[in-house]
Structures are given as C-alpha cells and as structure tokens.
Amino acid sequence: MRKVFFTLLIGASFAFASYFSFRALQETVRYFSLQQEARAQIVRWEIREVDGKFPISAFYQFEYQGKSWSGFTRLSPPWNLNEPAAVQDLQKNQMQKKWTVWFDPKDPTHSSLEKKIPTNWIIRTILSVAVVVYFLIFMKRISRIVFN
C-alpha cells in the first residue's frame, strides 16, 4: 500500500511539473513573440462576470503594414469583486487616451494590450520541479523509511 502511494505521489509530482513546464514555455514563447507595438484604438469595452469577479475586457483595432487588424484582451488581475467597482475601473481606462497593442509581426492576429512576463507560470514550474528533484535526490532515504 505504501509503495503504491509513494509511486502515485512521484507520478503526480512529475505530472504537475510537466504541466507547469509546458504552460510556462507556452506563455514565455507568447511573451517573446509579441515583439512589435502599434497604437491601438479601443472599439468596445466589456465587463463580464468570471468566477464571481468582474474583469475588464477590450476589443481593439490597430494598423500594421497598411492592413487593419483587430484583437481582444481581458486585462490582467486583480479583477474587481463587484460590478460597480469594475465600472469605475473601466471609466479610468477610458480616460487613458493612448493604448499600445503588442503583436507578433509574423502573425498579427496574435496581439495583446498587455505584455507581461509569465512569472506566475515560471514560479509554479520552479516549485514543481523542486518537488520532483526533492523526490529524486531523497528517493533512497524515503524508500528505506517508507518500505521498511
């Protein structure tokens, strides 16, 4: 029974480390692909409830190489806890006259109003890999304690 539990524990730690590594890599590639910037024109703002919180989203357009491109960005957390606070934040965002859109020059359909390093995913990856390394380094010691 202990052996099964220990094997499942190691398997789960590998699974989490793999998932977080994949997502961190995916988000980091996305971050570095957003190399070009242009002036964005906000077409429409939107507030929709997501899991009991109220994020602000923006639909925008921008020009690149003589073509008009459009996109959508849900602004990053912290999100508002109620709709009146979100409306107040939205009014502040509308006051900001200039918005910059970041986009991939090879594929301008990939764009965002925010360009942030995916620190959350990177931290999760580091922690999950540290757990895996812990299990690998101390496997002999743990197996002697657990299986005897």
C-alpha atoms as a PDB file:
ATOM      1  CA  MET A   1       0.000   0.000   0.000  1.00  0.00           C
ATOM      2  CA  ARG A   2       2.809   2.411   0.886  1.00  0.00           C
ATOM      3  CA  LYS A   3       4.616   1.551  -2.338  1.00  0.00           C
ATOM      4  CA  VAL A   4       1.519   2.375  -4.412  1.00  0.00           C
ATOM      5  CA  PHE A   5       1.018   5.639  -2.534  1.00  0.00           C
ATOM      6  CA  PHE A   6       4.668   6.603  -2.962  1.00  0.00           C
ATOM      7  CA  THR A   7       4.586   5.738  -6.677  1.00  0.00           C
ATOM      8  CA  LEU A   8       1.410   7.796  -7.159  1.00  0.00           C
ATOM      9  CA  LEU A   9       2.993  10.690  -5.281  1.00  0.00           C
ATOM     10  CA  ILE A  10       6.051  10.685  -7.537  1.00  0.00           C
ATOM     11  CA  GLY A  11       3.870  10.265 -10.637  1.00  0.00           C
ATOM     12  CA  ALA A  12       1.680  13.186  -9.602  1.00  0.00           C
ATOM     13  CA  SER A  13       4.695  15.403  -8.968  1.00  0.00           C
ATOM     14  CA  PHE A  14       6.052  14.570 -12.444  1.00  0.00           C
ATOM     15  CA  ALA A  15       2.632  15.264 -13.976  1.00  0.00           C
ATOM     16  CA  PHE A  16       2.343  18.659 -12.269  1.00  0.00           C
ATOM     17  CA  ALA A  17       5.914  19.574 -13.163  1.00  0.00           C
ATOM     18  CA  SER A  18       5.292  18.602 -16.790  1.00  0.00           C
ATOM     19  CA  TYR A  19       2.047  20.584 -16.994  1.00  0.00           C
ATOM     20  CA  PHE A  20       3.521  23.706 -15.396  1.00  0.00           C
ATOM     21  CA  SER A  21       6.651  23.458 -17.550  1.00  0.00           C
ATOM     22  CA  PHE A  22       4.551  23.190 -20.697  1.00  0.00           C
ATOM     23  CA  ARG A  23       2.373  26.172 -19.753  1.00  0.00           C
ATOM     24  CA  ALA A  24       5.388  28.280 -18.708  1.00  0.00           C
ATOM     25  CA  LEU A  25       7.105  27.506 -22.004  1.00  0.00           C
ATOM     26  CA  GLN A  26       3.931  28.261 -23.952  1.00  0.00           C
ATOM     27  CA  GLU A  27       3.393  31.611 -22.203  1.00  0.00           C
ATOM     28  CA  THR A  28       7.075  32.560 -22.445  1.00  0.00           C
ATOM     29  CA  VAL A  29       7.080  31.873 -26.195  1.00  0.00           C
ATOM     30  CA  ARG A  30       3.935  34.004 -26.491  1.00  0.00           C
ATOM     31  CA  TYR A  31       5.593  36.782 -24.470  1.00  0.00           C
ATOM     32  CA  PHE A  32       8.672  36.850 -26.693  1.00  0.00           C
ATOM     33  CA  SER A  33       6.626  36.608 -29.894  1.00  0.00           C
ATOM     34  CA  LEU A  34       4.898  39.918 -29.095  1.00  0.00           C
ATOM     35  CA  GLN A  35       7.807  41.955 -30.470  1.00  0.00           C
ATOM     36  CA  GLN A  36       6.138  44.778 -32.347  1.00  0.00           C
ATOM     37  CA  GLU A  37       3.966  47.526 -30.965  1.00  0.00           C
ATOM     38  CA  ALA A  38       1.431  49.867 -32.507  1.00  0.00           C
ATOM     39  CA  ARG A  39      -1.151  52.349 -31.392  1.00  0.00           C
ATOM     40  CA  ALA A  40      -4.451  50.678 -30.568  1.00  0.00           C
ATOM     41  CA  GLN A  41      -7.910  52.098 -30.985  1.00  0.00           C
ATOM     42  CA  ILE A  42     -10.350  50.657 -28.476  1.00  0.00           C
ATOM     43  CA  VAL A  43     -13.556  49.680 -30.262  1.00  0.00           C
ATOM     44  CA  ARG A  44     -15.529  48.378 -27.298  1.00  0.00           C
ATOM     45  CA  TRP A  45     -15.107  47.748 -23.577  1.00  0.00           C
ATOM     46  CA  GLU A  46     -16.798  44.902 -21.787  1.00  0.00           C
ATOM     47  CA  ILE A  47     -17.348  43.731 -18.218  1.00  0.00           C
ATOM     48  CA  ARG A  48     -18.434  40.123 -17.705  1.00  0.00           C
ATOM     49  CA  GLU A  49     -18.556  38.136 -14.515  1.00  0.00           C
ATOM     50  CA  VAL A  50     -15.973  35.330 -14.360  1.00  0.00           C
ATOM     51  CA  ASP A  51     -15.948  33.092 -11.278  1.00  0.00           C
ATOM     52  CA  GLY A  52     -17.545  35.776  -9.105  1.00  0.00           C
ATOM     53  CA  LYS A  53     -15.146  38.520 -10.222  1.00  0.00           C
ATOM     54  CA  PHE A  54     -15.517  41.245 -12.828  1.00  0.00           C
ATOM     55  CA  PRO A  55     -12.600  41.574 -15.268  1.00  0.00           C
ATOM     56  CA  ILE A  56     -12.459  44.331 -17.862  1.00  0.00           C
ATOM     57  CA  SER A  57     -12.028  43.310 -21.487  1.00  0.00           C
ATOM     58  CA  ALA A  58     -11.263  45.397 -24.541  1.00  0.00           C
ATOM     59  CA  PHE A  59     -11.888  44.870 -28.232  1.00  0.00           C
ATOM     60  CA  TYR A  60      -9.420  46.894 -30.277  1.00  0.00           C
ATOM     61  CA  GLN A  61      -8.066  47.600 -33.740  1.00  0.00           C
ATOM     62  CA  PHE A  62      -4.605  48.530 -34.948  1.00  0.00           C
ATOM     63  CA  GLU A  63      -2.795  49.048 -38.219  1.00  0.00           C
ATOM     64  CA  TYR A  64       0.262  47.169 -39.415  1.00  0.00           C
ATOM     65  CA  GLN A  65       1.744  47.224 -42.916  1.00  0.00           C
ATOM     66  CA  GLY A  66      -1.274  49.040 -44.279  1.00  0.00           C
ATOM     67  CA  LYS A  67      -3.755  46.471 -43.006  1.00  0.00           C
ATOM     68  CA  SER A  68      -6.252  46.775 -40.188  1.00  0.00           C
ATOM     69  CA  TRP A  69      -6.103  44.082 -37.505  1.00  0.00           C
ATOM     70  CA  SER A  70      -8.371  43.501 -34.547  1.00  0.00           C
ATOM     71  CA  GLY A  71      -7.999  41.754 -31.227  1.00  0.00           C
ATOM     72  CA  PHE A  72      -9.387  41.113 -27.794  1.00  0.00           C
ATOM     73  CA  THR A  73      -7.681  41.339 -24.390  1.00  0.00           C
ATOM     74  CA  ARG A  74      -9.005  40.561 -20.943  1.00  0.00           C
ATOM     75  CA  LEU A  75      -6.986  42.806 -18.653  1.00  0.00           C
ATOM     76  CA  SER A  76      -4.888  41.043 -16.035  1.00  0.00           C
ATOM     77  CA  PRO A  77      -5.891  40.565 -12.407  1.00  0.00           C
ATOM     78  CA  PRO A  78      -6.530  41.884  -9.854  1.00  0.00           C
ATOM     79  CA  TRP A  79     -10.112  41.808 -11.022  1.00  0.00           C
ATOM     80  CA  ASN A  80     -12.889  43.706  -9.314  1.00  0.00           C
ATOM     81  CA  LEU A  81     -15.087  41.968  -6.766  1.00  0.00           C
ATOM     82  CA  ASN A  82     -18.270  43.737  -7.842  1.00  0.00           C
ATOM     83  CA  GLU A  83     -19.691  45.351 -10.940  1.00  0.00           C
ATOM     84  CA  PRO A  84     -19.770  48.981  -9.679  1.00  0.00           C
ATOM     85  CA  ALA A  85     -16.028  48.810  -8.931  1.00  0.00           C
ATOM     86  CA  ALA A  86     -15.422  47.352 -12.400  1.00  0.00           C
ATOM     87  CA  VAL A  87     -17.417  50.186 -13.986  1.00  0.00           C
ATOM     88  CA  GLN A  88     -15.311  52.695 -12.050  1.00  0.00           C
ATOM     89  CA  ASP A  89     -12.098  50.999 -13.276  1.00  0.00           C
ATOM     90  CA  LEU A  90     -13.489  50.963 -16.791  1.00  0.00           C
ATOM     91  CA  GLN A  91     -14.064  54.716 -16.664  1.00  0.00           C
ATOM     92  CA  LYS A  92     -10.420  55.194 -15.633  1.00  0.00           C
ATOM     93  CA  ASN A  93      -9.310  53.028 -18.568  1.00  0.00           C
ATOM     94  CA  GLN A  94     -11.484  55.002 -20.970  1.00  0.00           C
ATOM     95  CA  MET A  95      -9.795  58.201 -19.793  1.00  0.00           C
ATOM     96  CA  GLN A  96      -6.453  56.823 -20.904  1.00  0.00           C
ATOM     97  CA  LYS A  97      -6.335  58.139 -24.451  1.00  0.00           C
ATOM     98  CA  LYS A  98      -3.363  56.141 -25.730  1.00  0.00           C
ATOM     99  CA  TRP A  99      -3.301  52.378 -25.761  1.00  0.00           C
ATOM    100  CA  THR A 100      -0.452  50.306 -27.150  1.00  0.00           C
ATOM    101  CA  VAL A 101      -1.012  46.895 -28.660  1.00  0.00           C
ATOM    102  CA  TRP A 102       1.770  44.322 -28.733  1.00  0.00           C
ATOM    103  CA  PHE A 103       1.687  41.834 -31.587  1.00  0.00           C
ATOM    104  CA  ASP A 104       3.630  39.174 -33.393  1.00  0.00           C
ATOM    105  CA  PRO A 105       4.953  40.716 -36.645  1.00  0.00           C
ATOM    106  CA  LYS A 106       4.841  37.279 -38.313  1.00  0.00           C
ATOM    107  CA  ASP A 107       1.204  36.771 -37.299  1.00  0.00           C
ATOM    108  CA  PRO A 108      -0.568  39.995 -36.243  1.00  0.00           C
ATOM    109  CA  THR A 109      -3.661  38.019 -35.253  1.00  0.00           C
ATOM    110  CA  HIS A 110      -1.733  37.222 -32.049  1.00  0.00           C
ATOM    111  CA  SER A 111      -1.872  40.502 -30.149  1.00  0.00           C
ATOM    112  CA  SER A 112      -2.486  41.905 -26.682  1.00  0.00           C
ATOM    113  CA  LEU A 113      -2.862  45.218 -24.890  1.00  0.00           C
ATOM    114  CA  GLU A 114      -0.624  43.856 -22.138  1.00  0.00           C
ATOM    115  CA  LYS A 115       2.819  42.337 -22.368  1.00  0.00           C
ATOM    116  CA  LYS A 116       3.812  40.763 -19.080  1.00  0.00           C
ATOM    117  CA  ILE A 117       6.387  38.112 -18.271  1.00  0.00           C
ATOM    118  CA  PRO A 118       4.501  34.969 -17.163  1.00  0.00           C
ATOM    119  CA  THR A 119       6.030  34.977 -13.671  1.00  0.00           C
ATOM    120  CA  ASN A 120       3.137  33.028 -12.188  1.00  0.00           C
ATOM    121  CA  TRP A 121       3.745  30.061 -14.504  1.00  0.00           C
ATOM    122  CA  ILE A 122       7.515  30.302 -14.082  1.00  0.00           C
ATOM    123  CA  ILE A 123       7.235  30.254 -10.279  1.00  0.00           C
ATOM    124  CA  ARG A 124       4.855  27.277 -10.388  1.00  0.00           C
ATOM    125  CA  THR A 125       7.276  25.453 -12.671  1.00  0.00           C
ATOM    126  CA  ILE A 126      10.250  26.125 -10.402  1.00  0.00           C
ATOM    127  CA  LEU A 127       8.356  24.914  -7.337  1.00  0.00           C
ATOM    128  CA  SER A 128       7.031  21.770  -9.009  1.00  0.00           C
ATOM    129  CA  VAL A 129      10.437  20.898 -10.453  1.00  0.00           C
ATOM    130  CA  ALA A 130      11.942  21.450  -6.988  1.00  0.00           C
ATOM    131  CA  VAL A 131       9.485  18.897  -5.582  1.00  0.00           C
ATOM    132  CA  VAL A 132      10.455  16.399  -8.283  1.00  0.00           C
ATOM    133  CA  VAL A 133      14.157  16.979  -7.603  1.00  0.00           C
ATOM    134  CA  TYR A 134      13.496  16.523  -3.893  1.00  0.00           C
ATOM    135  CA  PHE A 135      11.865  13.170  -4.568  1.00  0.00           C
ATOM    136  CA  LEU A 136      14.676  12.071  -6.877  1.00  0.00           C
ATOM    137  CA  ILE A 137      17.501  13.121  -4.542  1.00  0.00           C
ATOM    138  CA  PHE A 138      15.976  11.667  -1.419  1.00  0.00           C
ATOM    139  CA  MET A 139      14.292   8.662  -3.034  1.00  0.00           C
ATOM    140  CA  LYS A 140      16.633   6.147  -1.434  1.00  0.00           C
ATOM    141  CA  ARG A 141      16.235   7.622   2.004  1.00  0.00           C
ATOM    142  CA  ILE A 142      12.477   7.913   1.691  1.00  0.00           C
ATOM    143  CA  SER A 143      12.113   4.415   0.247  1.00  0.00           C
ATOM    144  CA  ARG A 144      14.061   2.946   3.192  1.00  0.00           C
ATOM    145  CA  ILE A 145      11.763   4.710   5.656  1.00  0.00           C
ATOM    146  CA  VAL A 146       8.523   4.015   3.805  1.00  0.00           C
ATOM    147  CA  PHE A 147       9.111   0.439   2.668  1.00  0.00           C
ATOM    148  CA  ASN A 148      10.720  -0.987   5.834  1.00  0.00           C
END
